[in-house]
PDB file of N, CA and C in Angstrom:
ATOM      1  N   MET A   1       5.524 -24.907  11.656  1.00  0.00           N
ATOM      2  CA  MET A   1       5.160 -24.839  10.259  1.00  0.00           C
ATOM      3  C   MET A   1       3.724 -24.360  10.134  1.00  0.00           C
ATOM      4  N   ILE A   2       3.491 -23.466   9.202  1.00  0.00           N
ATOM      5  CA  ILE A   2       2.151 -22.928   8.992  1.00  0.00           C
ATOM      6  C   ILE A   2       1.346 -23.938   8.173  1.00  0.00           C
ATOM      7  N   ALA A   3       0.156 -24.227   8.646  1.00  0.00           N
ATOM      8  CA  ALA A   3      -0.721 -25.142   7.922  1.00  0.00           C
ATOM      9  C   ALA A   3      -1.202 -24.469   6.632  1.00  0.00           C
ATOM     10  N   PRO A   4      -1.396 -25.246   5.571  1.00  0.00           N
ATOM     11  CA  PRO A   4      -1.809 -24.650   4.298  1.00  0.00           C
ATOM     12  C   PRO A   4      -3.125 -23.863   4.392  1.00  0.00           C
ATOM     13  N   VAL A   5      -4.059 -24.346   5.181  1.00  0.00           N
ATOM     14  CA  VAL A   5      -5.341 -23.647   5.312  1.00  0.00           C
ATOM     15  C   VAL A   5      -5.133 -22.284   5.974  1.00  0.00           C
ATOM     16  N   GLU A   6      -4.311 -22.223   7.001  1.00  0.00           N
ATOM     17  CA  GLU A   6      -4.048 -20.954   7.676  1.00  0.00           C
ATOM     18  C   GLU A   6      -3.289 -19.992   6.771  1.00  0.00           C
ATOM     19  N   LEU A   7      -2.360 -20.516   5.979  1.00  0.00           N
ATOM     20  CA  LEU A   7      -1.606 -19.680   5.046  1.00  0.00           C
ATOM     21  C   LEU A   7      -2.534 -19.089   3.996  1.00  0.00           C
ATOM     22  N   ILE A   8      -3.404 -19.905   3.448  1.00  0.00           N
ATOM     23  CA  ILE A   8      -4.347 -19.422   2.435  1.00  0.00           C
ATOM     24  C   ILE A   8      -5.297 -18.395   3.046  1.00  0.00           C
ATOM     25  N   GLU A   9      -5.753 -18.649   4.272  1.00  0.00           N
ATOM     26  CA  GLU A   9      -6.644 -17.707   4.942  1.00  0.00           C
ATOM     27  C   GLU A   9      -5.949 -16.363   5.151  1.00  0.00           C
ATOM     28  N   SER A  10      -4.705 -16.379   5.571  1.00  0.00           N
ATOM     29  CA  SER A  10      -3.961 -15.130   5.787  1.00  0.00           C
ATOM     30  C   SER A  10      -3.749 -14.384   4.470  1.00  0.00           C
ATOM     31  N   LEU A  11      -3.446 -15.116   3.406  1.00  0.00           N
ATOM     32  CA  LEU A  11      -3.232 -14.475   2.110  1.00  0.00           C
ATOM     33  C   LEU A  11      -4.522 -13.886   1.551  1.00  0.00           C
ATOM     34  N   VAL A  12      -5.630 -14.591   1.721  1.00  0.00           N
ATOM     35  CA  VAL A  12      -6.915 -14.056   1.255  1.00  0.00           C
ATOM     36  C   VAL A  12      -7.286 -12.810   2.052  1.00  0.00           C
ATOM     37  N   PHE A  13      -7.073 -12.848   3.360  1.00  0.00           N
ATOM     38  CA  PHE A  13      -7.346 -11.689   4.201  1.00  0.00           C
ATOM     39  C   PHE A  13      -6.492 -10.503   3.751  1.00  0.00           C
ATOM     40  N   GLY A  14      -5.206 -10.754   3.481  1.00  0.00           N
ATOM     41  CA  GLY A  14      -4.321  -9.693   3.001  1.00  0.00           C
ATOM     42  C   GLY A  14      -4.739  -9.158   1.644  1.00  0.00           C
ATOM     43  N   ALA A  15      -5.225 -10.036   0.761  1.00  0.00           N
ATOM     44  CA  ALA A  15      -5.664  -9.598  -0.566  1.00  0.00           C
ATOM     45  C   ALA A  15      -6.907  -8.723  -0.479  1.00  0.00           C
ATOM     46  N   VAL A  16      -7.831  -9.068   0.403  1.00  0.00           N
ATOM     47  CA  VAL A  16      -9.033  -8.256   0.576  1.00  0.00           C
ATOM     48  C   VAL A  16      -8.667  -6.868   1.113  1.00  0.00           C
ATOM     49  N   VAL A  17      -7.804  -6.832   2.104  1.00  0.00           N
ATOM     50  CA  VAL A  17      -7.361  -5.539   2.646  1.00  0.00           C
ATOM     51  C   VAL A  17      -6.621  -4.753   1.573  1.00  0.00           C
ATOM     52  N   GLY A  18      -5.788  -5.428   0.789  1.00  0.00           N
ATOM     53  CA  GLY A  18      -5.075  -4.756  -0.296  1.00  0.00           C
ATOM     54  C   GLY A  18      -6.020  -4.144  -1.321  1.00  0.00           C
ATOM     55  N   ALA A  19      -7.083  -4.868  -1.677  1.00  0.00           N
ATOM     56  CA  ALA A  19      -8.060  -4.342  -2.631  1.00  0.00           C
ATOM     57  C   ALA A  19      -8.767  -3.116  -2.060  1.00  0.00           C
ATOM     58  N   LEU A  20      -9.088  -3.151  -0.784  1.00  0.00           N
ATOM     59  CA  LEU A  20      -9.719  -1.989  -0.162  1.00  0.00           C
ATOM     60  C   LEU A  20      -8.772  -0.792  -0.123  1.00  0.00           C
ATOM     61  N   MET A  21      -7.476  -1.052   0.077  1.00  0.00           N
ATOM     62  CA  MET A  21      -6.505   0.051   0.101  1.00  0.00           C
ATOM     63  C   MET A  21      -6.332   0.674  -1.285  1.00  0.00           C
ATOM     64  N   VAL A  22      -6.475  -0.119  -2.341  1.00  0.00           N
ATOM     65  CA  VAL A  22      -6.441   0.452  -3.697  1.00  0.00           C
ATOM     66  C   VAL A  22      -7.593   1.439  -3.857  1.00  0.00           C
ATOM     67  N   LEU A  23      -8.760   1.077  -3.348  1.00  0.00           N
ATOM     68  CA  LEU A  23      -9.900   1.993  -3.433  1.00  0.00           C
ATOM     69  C   LEU A  23      -9.673   3.258  -2.619  1.00  0.00           C
ATOM     70  N   VAL A  24      -9.125   3.115  -1.417  1.00  0.00           N
ATOM     71  CA  VAL A  24      -8.853   4.289  -0.574  1.00  0.00           C
ATOM     72  C   VAL A  24      -7.844   5.206  -1.250  1.00  0.00           C
ATOM     73  N   ALA A  25      -6.775   4.633  -1.798  1.00  0.00           N
ATOM     74  CA  ALA A  25      -5.763   5.455  -2.469  1.00  0.00           C
ATOM     75  C   ALA A  25      -6.331   6.075  -3.743  1.00  0.00           C
ATOM     76  N   GLY A  26      -7.219   5.370  -4.430  1.00  0.00           N
ATOM     77  CA  GLY A  26      -7.849   5.933  -5.620  1.00  0.00           C
ATOM     78  C   GLY A  26      -8.756   7.100  -5.278  1.00  0.00           C
ATOM     79  N   ILE A  27      -9.464   7.009  -4.163  1.00  0.00           N
ATOM     80  CA  ILE A  27     -10.310   8.117  -3.724  1.00  0.00           C
ATOM     81  C   ILE A  27      -9.450   9.330  -3.381  1.00  0.00           C
ATOM     82  N   ARG A  28      -8.279   9.084  -2.849  1.00  0.00           N
ATOM     83  CA  ARG A  28      -7.342  10.167  -2.500  1.00  0.00           C
ATOM     84  C   ARG A  28      -6.669  10.738  -3.740  1.00  0.00           C
ATOM     85  N   ARG A  29      -6.952  10.167  -4.905  1.00  0.00           N
ATOM     86  CA  ARG A  29      -6.420  10.588  -6.205  1.00  0.00           C
ATOM     87  C   ARG A  29      -4.925  10.317  -6.348  1.00  0.00           C
ATOM     88  N   ILE A  30      -4.471   9.252  -5.730  1.00  0.00           N
ATOM     89  CA  ILE A  30      -3.093   8.805  -5.914  1.00  0.00           C
ATOM     90  C   ILE A  30      -3.063   7.962  -7.186  1.00  0.00           C
ATOM     91  N   PRO A  31      -2.068   8.129  -8.041  1.00  0.00           N
ATOM     92  CA  PRO A  31      -2.007   7.321  -9.265  1.00  0.00           C
ATOM     93  C   PRO A  31      -2.029   5.821  -8.950  1.00  0.00           C
ATOM     94  N   TRP A  32      -2.625   5.050  -9.833  1.00  0.00           N
ATOM     95  CA  TRP A  32      -2.890   3.635  -9.572  1.00  0.00           C
ATOM     96  C   TRP A  32      -1.631   2.816  -9.368  1.00  0.00           C
ATOM     97  N   ARG A  33      -0.549   3.170 -10.042  1.00  0.00           N
ATOM     98  CA  ARG A  33       0.674   2.368  -9.860  1.00  0.00           C
ATOM     99  C   ARG A  33       1.193   2.484  -8.428  1.00  0.00           C
ATOM    100  N   TYR A  34       1.021   3.651  -7.809  1.00  0.00           N
ATOM    101  CA  TYR A  34       1.434   3.811  -6.422  1.00  0.00           C
ATOM    102  C   TYR A  34       0.376   3.264  -5.464  1.00  0.00           C
ATOM    103  N   ALA A  35      -0.877   3.311  -5.873  1.00  0.00           N
ATOM    104  CA  ALA A  35      -1.935   2.721  -5.057  1.00  0.00           C
ATOM    105  C   ALA A  35      -1.739   1.215  -4.942  1.00  0.00           C
ATOM    106  N   ALA A  36      -1.245   0.592  -6.001  1.00  0.00           N
ATOM    107  CA  ALA A  36      -0.972  -0.850  -5.957  1.00  0.00           C
ATOM    108  C   ALA A  36       0.162  -1.157  -4.982  1.00  0.00           C
ATOM    109  N   ILE A  37       1.171  -0.290  -4.917  1.00  0.00           N
ATOM    110  CA  ILE A  37       2.270  -0.490  -3.972  1.00  0.00           C
ATOM    111  C   ILE A  37       1.756  -0.353  -2.537  1.00  0.00           C
ATOM    112  N   VAL A  38       0.899   0.635  -2.308  1.00  0.00           N
ATOM    113  CA  VAL A  38       0.294   0.813  -0.983  1.00  0.00           C
ATOM    114  C   VAL A  38      -0.517  -0.424  -0.617  1.00  0.00           C
ATOM    115  N   ALA A  39      -1.281  -0.942  -1.572  1.00  0.00           N
ATOM    116  CA  ALA A  39      -2.110  -2.123  -1.316  1.00  0.00           C
ATOM    117  C   ALA A  39      -1.274  -3.341  -0.982  1.00  0.00           C
ATOM    118  N   VAL A  40      -0.172  -3.539  -1.676  1.00  0.00           N
ATOM    119  CA  VAL A  40       0.703  -4.674  -1.380  1.00  0.00           C
ATOM    120  C   VAL A  40       1.267  -4.540   0.031  1.00  0.00           C
ATOM    121  N   GLY A  41       1.697  -3.340   0.404  1.00  0.00           N
ATOM    122  CA  GLY A  41       2.244  -3.118   1.746  1.00  0.00           C
ATOM    123  C   GLY A  41       1.231  -3.411   2.835  1.00  0.00           C
ATOM    124  N   TYR A  42       0.013  -2.851   2.695  1.00  0.00           N
ATOM    125  CA  TYR A  42      -1.006  -3.097   3.707  1.00  0.00           C
ATOM    126  C   TYR A  42      -1.480  -4.543   3.684  1.00  0.00           C
ATOM    127  N   GLY A  43      -1.468  -5.158   2.518  1.00  0.00           N
ATOM    128  CA  GLY A  43      -1.815  -6.579   2.445  1.00  0.00           C
ATOM    129  C   GLY A  43      -0.840  -7.439   3.236  1.00  0.00           C
ATOM    130  N   ILE A  44       0.450  -7.123   3.137  1.00  0.00           N
ATOM    131  CA  ILE A  44       1.462  -7.854   3.904  1.00  0.00           C
ATOM    132  C   ILE A  44       1.269  -7.636   5.398  1.00  0.00           C
ATOM    133  N   VAL A  45       1.004  -6.384   5.778  1.00  0.00           N
ATOM    134  CA  VAL A  45       0.810  -6.071   7.198  1.00  0.00           C
ATOM    135  C   VAL A  45      -0.377  -6.839   7.764  1.00  0.00           C
ATOM    136  N   PHE A  46      -1.500  -6.806   7.082  1.00  0.00           N
ATOM    137  CA  PHE A  46      -2.688  -7.459   7.621  1.00  0.00           C
ATOM    138  C   PHE A  46      -2.633  -8.978   7.496  1.00  0.00           C
ATOM    139  N   ALA A  47      -1.902  -9.503   6.514  1.00  0.00           N
ATOM    140  CA  ALA A  47      -1.694 -10.953   6.469  1.00  0.00           C
ATOM    141  C   ALA A  47      -0.841 -11.394   7.661  1.00  0.00           C
ATOM    142  N   ALA A  48       0.175 -10.602   8.005  1.00  0.00           N
ATOM    143  CA  ALA A  48       0.984 -10.910   9.187  1.00  0.00           C
ATOM    144  C   ALA A  48       0.160 -10.790  10.461  1.00  0.00           C
ATOM    145  N   LEU A  49      -0.730  -9.802  10.508  1.00  0.00           N
ATOM    146  CA  LEU A  49      -1.605  -9.644  11.666  1.00  0.00           C
ATOM    147  C   LEU A  49      -2.525 -10.856  11.815  1.00  0.00           C
ATOM    148  N   ARG A  50      -3.075 -11.321  10.720  1.00  0.00           N
ATOM    149  CA  ARG A  50      -3.960 -12.493  10.776  1.00  0.00           C
ATOM    150  C   ARG A  50      -3.177 -13.742  11.187  1.00  0.00           C
ATOM    151  N   ALA A  51      -1.971 -13.886  10.671  1.00  0.00           N
ATOM    152  CA  ALA A  51      -1.140 -15.032  11.064  1.00  0.00           C
ATOM    153  C   ALA A  51      -0.782 -14.961  12.545  1.00  0.00           C
ATOM    154  N   ALA A  52      -0.600 -13.745  13.062  1.00  0.00           N
ATOM    155  CA  ALA A  52      -0.323 -13.596  14.496  1.00  0.00           C
ATOM    156  C   ALA A  52      -1.532 -13.998  15.329  1.00  0.00           C
ATOM    157  N   GLN A  53      -2.726 -13.681  14.852  1.00  0.00           N
ATOM    158  CA  GLN A  53      -3.936 -14.085  15.555  1.00  0.00           C
ATOM    159  C   GLN A  53      -4.091 -15.601  15.571  1.00  0.00           C
ATOM    160  N   LEU A  54      -3.544 -16.262  14.559  1.00  0.00           N
ATOM    161  CA  LEU A  54      -3.608 -17.717  14.501  1.00  0.00           C
ATOM    162  C   LEU A  54      -2.535 -18.367  15.365  1.00  0.00           C
ATOM    163  N   GLY A  55      -1.647 -17.571  15.961  1.00  0.00           N
ATOM    164  CA  GLY A  55      -0.686 -18.068  16.931  1.00  0.00           C
ATOM    165  C   GLY A  55       0.642 -18.522  16.362  1.00  0.00           C
ATOM    166  N   HIS A  56       1.165 -17.827  15.370  1.00  0.00           N
ATOM    167  CA  HIS A  56       2.448 -18.197  14.783  1.00  0.00           C
ATOM    168  C   HIS A  56       3.586 -17.389  15.384  1.00  0.00           C
ATOM    169  N   ASP A  57       4.802 -17.655  14.944  1.00  0.00           N
ATOM    170  CA  ASP A  57       6.018 -17.055  15.485  1.00  0.00           C
ATOM    171  C   ASP A  57       5.957 -15.528  15.427  1.00  0.00           C
ATOM    172  N   PRO A  58       5.961 -14.849  16.575  1.00  0.00           N
ATOM    173  CA  PRO A  58       5.818 -13.396  16.572  1.00  0.00           C
ATOM    174  C   PRO A  58       7.008 -12.660  15.960  1.00  0.00           C
ATOM    175  N   GLY A  59       8.208 -13.203  16.101  1.00  0.00           N
ATOM    176  CA  GLY A  59       9.387 -12.497  15.596  1.00  0.00           C
ATOM    177  C   GLY A  59       9.359 -12.304  14.096  1.00  0.00           C
ATOM    178  N   ILE A  60       9.064 -13.348  13.361  1.00  0.00           N
ATOM    179  CA  ILE A  60       9.039 -13.254  11.904  1.00  0.00           C
ATOM    180  C   ILE A  60       7.843 -12.432  11.442  1.00  0.00           C
ATOM    181  N   LEU A  61       6.753 -12.481  12.212  1.00  0.00           N
ATOM    182  CA  LEU A  61       5.583 -11.695  11.836  1.00  0.00           C
ATOM    183  C   LEU A  61       5.819 -10.205  12.043  1.00  0.00           C
ATOM    184  N   VAL A  62       6.589  -9.843  13.076  1.00  0.00           N
ATOM    185  CA  VAL A  62       6.966  -8.442  13.267  1.00  0.00           C
ATOM    186  C   VAL A  62       7.838  -7.980  12.107  1.00  0.00           C
ATOM    187  N   LEU A  63       8.737  -8.844  11.671  1.00  0.00           N
ATOM    188  CA  LEU A  63       9.589  -8.522  10.531  1.00  0.00           C
ATOM    189  C   LEU A  63       8.753  -8.295   9.270  1.00  0.00           C
ATOM    190  N   PHE A  64       7.799  -9.193   9.004  1.00  0.00           N
ATOM    191  CA  PHE A  64       6.943  -9.025   7.825  1.00  0.00           C
ATOM    192  C   PHE A  64       6.058  -7.791   7.960  1.00  0.00           C
ATOM    193  N   GLY A  65       5.554  -7.519   9.159  1.00  0.00           N
ATOM    194  CA  GLY A  65       4.742  -6.328   9.369  1.00  0.00           C
ATOM    195  C   GLY A  65       5.527  -5.051   9.128  1.00  0.00           C
ATOM    196  N   ALA A  66       6.767  -5.014   9.588  1.00  0.00           N
ATOM    197  CA  ALA A  66       7.614  -3.833   9.373  1.00  0.00           C
ATOM    198  C   ALA A  66       7.941  -3.665   7.892  1.00  0.00           C
ATOM    199  N   LEU A  67       8.207  -4.769   7.220  1.00  0.00           N
ATOM    200  CA  LEU A  67       8.488  -4.709   5.779  1.00  0.00           C
ATOM    201  C   LEU A  67       7.263  -4.201   5.022  1.00  0.00           C
ATOM    202  N   GLY A  68       6.096  -4.742   5.336  1.00  0.00           N
ATOM    203  CA  GLY A  68       4.874  -4.292   4.677  1.00  0.00           C
ATOM    204  C   GLY A  68       4.567  -2.838   4.965  1.00  0.00           C
ATOM    205  N   GLY A  69       4.796  -2.406   6.200  1.00  0.00           N
ATOM    206  CA  GLY A  69       4.568  -1.008   6.557  1.00  0.00           C
ATOM    207  C   GLY A  69       5.486  -0.069   5.804  1.00  0.00           C
ATOM    208  N   SER A  70       6.740  -0.450   5.651  1.00  0.00           N
ATOM    209  CA  SER A  70       7.671   0.421   4.925  1.00  0.00           C
ATOM    210  C   SER A  70       7.323   0.482   3.447  1.00  0.00           C
ATOM    211  N   VAL A  71       6.871  -0.630   2.877  1.00  0.00           N
ATOM    212  CA  VAL A  71       6.441  -0.627   1.475  1.00  0.00           C
ATOM    213  C   VAL A  71       5.215   0.267   1.300  1.00  0.00           C
ATOM    214  N   ALA A  72       4.260   0.166   2.230  1.00  0.00           N
ATOM    215  CA  ALA A  72       3.046   0.981   2.139  1.00  0.00           C
ATOM    216  C   ALA A  72       3.362   2.469   2.272  1.00  0.00           C
ATOM    217  N   ILE A  73       4.203   2.831   3.210  1.00  0.00           N
ATOM    218  CA  ILE A  73       4.548   4.247   3.405  1.00  0.00           C
ATOM    219  C   ILE A  73       5.305   4.785   2.197  1.00  0.00           C
ATOM    220  N   ARG A  74       6.211   3.977   1.645  1.00  0.00           N
ATOM    221  CA  ARG A  74       6.967   4.416   0.456  1.00  0.00           C
ATOM    222  C   ARG A  74       6.030   4.645  -0.727  1.00  0.00           C
ATOM    223  N   GLY A  75       5.088   3.728  -0.938  1.00  0.00           N
ATOM    224  CA  GLY A  75       4.125   3.897  -2.021  1.00  0.00           C
ATOM    225  C   GLY A  75       3.245   5.122  -1.815  1.00  0.00           C
ATOM    226  N   TRP A  76       2.819   5.342  -0.568  1.00  0.00           N
ATOM    227  CA  TRP A  76       1.978   6.505  -0.263  1.00  0.00           C
ATOM    228  C   TRP A  76       2.750   7.801  -0.508  1.00  0.00           C
ATOM    229  N   ASP A  77       4.016   7.864  -0.067  1.00  0.00           N
ATOM    230  CA  ASP A  77       4.824   9.074  -0.278  1.00  0.00           C
ATOM    231  C   ASP A  77       5.054   9.342  -1.762  1.00  0.00           C
ATOM    232  N   LEU A  78       5.394   8.306  -2.525  1.00  0.00           N
ATOM    233  CA  LEU A  78       5.598   8.487  -3.968  1.00  0.00           C
ATOM    234  C   LEU A  78       4.312   8.932  -4.654  1.00  0.00           C
ATOM    235  N   GLY A  79       3.191   8.362  -4.228  1.00  0.00           N
ATOM    236  CA  GLY A  79       1.911   8.748  -4.804  1.00  0.00           C
ATOM    237  C   GLY A  79       1.542  10.181  -4.497  1.00  0.00           C
ATOM    238  N   GLU A  80       1.788  10.618  -3.268  1.00  0.00           N
ATOM    239  CA  GLU A  80       1.510  12.013  -2.901  1.00  0.00           C
ATOM    240  C   GLU A  80       2.398  12.981  -3.685  1.00  0.00           C
ATOM    241  N   GLN A  81       3.669  12.622  -3.869  1.00  0.00           N
ATOM    242  CA  GLN A  81       4.571  13.475  -4.650  1.00  0.00           C
ATOM    243  C   GLN A  81       4.098  13.586  -6.095  1.00  0.00           C
ATOM    244  N   GLU A  82       3.692  12.464  -6.682  1.00  0.00           N
ATOM    245  CA  GLU A  82       3.218  12.471  -8.062  1.00  0.00           C
ATOM    246  C   GLU A  82       1.915  13.274  -8.185  1.00  0.00           C
ATOM    247  N   ARG A  83       1.013  13.105  -7.214  1.00  0.00           N
ATOM    248  CA  ARG A  83      -0.240  13.849  -7.226  1.00  0.00           C
ATOM    249  C   ARG A  83       0.014  15.346  -7.116  1.00  0.00           C
ATOM    250  N   LYS A  84       0.959  15.734  -6.268  1.00  0.00           N
ATOM    251  CA  LYS A  84       1.303  17.151  -6.119  1.00  0.00           C
ATOM    252  C   LYS A  84       1.955  17.688  -7.390  1.00  0.00           C
ATOM    253  N   ARG A  85       2.815  16.885  -8.023  1.00  0.00           N
ATOM    254  CA  ARG A  85       3.465  17.322  -9.258  1.00  0.00           C
ATOM    255  C   ARG A  85       2.429  17.552 -10.355  1.00  0.00           C
ATOM    256  N   ILE A  86       1.469  16.640 -10.482  1.00  0.00           N
ATOM    257  CA  ILE A  86       0.422  16.788 -11.493  1.00  0.00           C
ATOM    258  C   ILE A  86      -0.434  18.007 -11.195  1.00  0.00           C
ATOM    259  N   SER A  87      -0.789  18.193  -9.941  1.00  0.00           N
ATOM    260  CA  SER A  87      -1.611  19.342  -9.547  1.00  0.00           C
ATOM    261  C   SER A  87      -0.878  20.652  -9.819  1.00  0.00           C
ATOM    262  N   ASP A  88       0.405  20.705  -9.504  1.00  0.00           N
ATOM    263  CA  ASP A  88       1.177  21.927  -9.754  1.00  0.00           C
ATOM    264  C   ASP A  88       1.311  22.202 -11.247  1.00  0.00           C
ATOM    265  N   ALA A  89       1.441  21.157 -12.045  1.00  0.00           N
ATOM    266  CA  ALA A  89       1.549  21.350 -13.492  1.00  0.00           C
ATOM    267  C   ALA A  89       0.241  21.882 -14.073  1.00  0.00           C
ATOM    268  N   ILE A  90      -0.878  21.457 -13.506  1.00  0.00           N
ATOM    269  CA  ILE A  90      -2.181  21.916 -14.004  1.00  0.00           C
ATOM    270  C   ILE A  90      -2.443  23.359 -13.588  1.00  0.00           C
ATOM    271  N   THR A  91      -2.114  23.703 -12.354  1.00  0.00           N
ATOM    272  CA  THR A  91      -2.473  25.025 -11.835  1.00  0.00           C
ATOM    273  C   THR A  91      -1.393  26.087 -12.012  1.00  0.00           C
ATOM    274  N   SER A  92      -0.253  25.741 -12.569  1.00  0.00           N
ATOM    275  CA  SER A  92       0.819  26.742 -12.712  1.00  0.00           C
ATOM    276  C   SER A  92       0.483  27.716 -13.835  1.00  0.00           C
ATOM    277  N   ILE A  93       1.038  28.894 -13.719  1.00  0.00           N
ATOM    278  CA  ILE A  93       0.871  29.923 -14.740  1.00  0.00           C
ATOM    279  C   ILE A  93       2.066  29.850 -15.670  1.00  0.00           C
ATOM    280  N   ARG A  94       1.757  29.606 -16.915  1.00  0.00           N
ATOM    281  CA  ARG A  94       2.833  29.494 -17.911  1.00  0.00           C
ATOM    282  C   ARG A  94       3.210  30.872 -18.413  1.00  0.00           C
ATOM    283  N   PRO A  95       4.489  31.082 -18.700  1.00  0.00           N
ATOM    284  CA  PRO A  95       4.893  32.397 -19.221  1.00  0.00           C
ATOM    285  C   PRO A  95       4.309  32.614 -20.623  1.00  0.00           C
ATOM    286  N   ALA A  96       4.081  33.877 -20.938  1.00  0.00           N
ATOM    287  CA  ALA A  96       3.556  34.222 -22.257  1.00  0.00           C
ATOM    288  C   ALA A  96       4.617  33.965 -23.317  1.00  0.00           C
ATOM    289  N   PRO A  97       4.202  33.522 -24.483  1.00  0.00           N
ATOM    290  CA  PRO A  97       5.189  33.287 -25.548  1.00  0.00           C
ATOM    291  C   PRO A  97       5.801  34.616 -26.002  1.00  0.00           C
ATOM    292  N   PRO A  98       7.041  34.577 -26.462  1.00  0.00           N
ATOM    293  CA  PRO A  98       7.680  35.827 -26.910  1.00  0.00           C
ATOM    294  C   PRO A  98       6.956  36.399 -28.115  1.00  0.00           C
ATOM    295  N   ALA A  99       6.864  37.702 -28.144  1.00  0.00           N
ATOM    296  CA  ALA A  99       6.135  38.372 -29.226  1.00  0.00           C
ATOM    297  C   ALA A  99       6.995  38.680 -30.405  1.00  0.00           C
TER     298      ALA A  99
END
């Protein structure tokens, strides 16, 4: 069983990493809704990493790390697609209106 202090420490560590990932994704110009998904994914990964350092069950932590990684990658991919769509809409040449 995870002690409450260790659980809180892991969650705080994950929240700090998640906040930093929001900033990184914002600098990359990924929309904020997808940056939040990336932050949640990396927060889960690093909370599992911190719990592993505290000596907890490795099997469940690998499962949580894989889940967090897949959430982070999905958010990053969706954000890149949205950023590319916005960029293409801004830089595209629109046809001339009919005369």
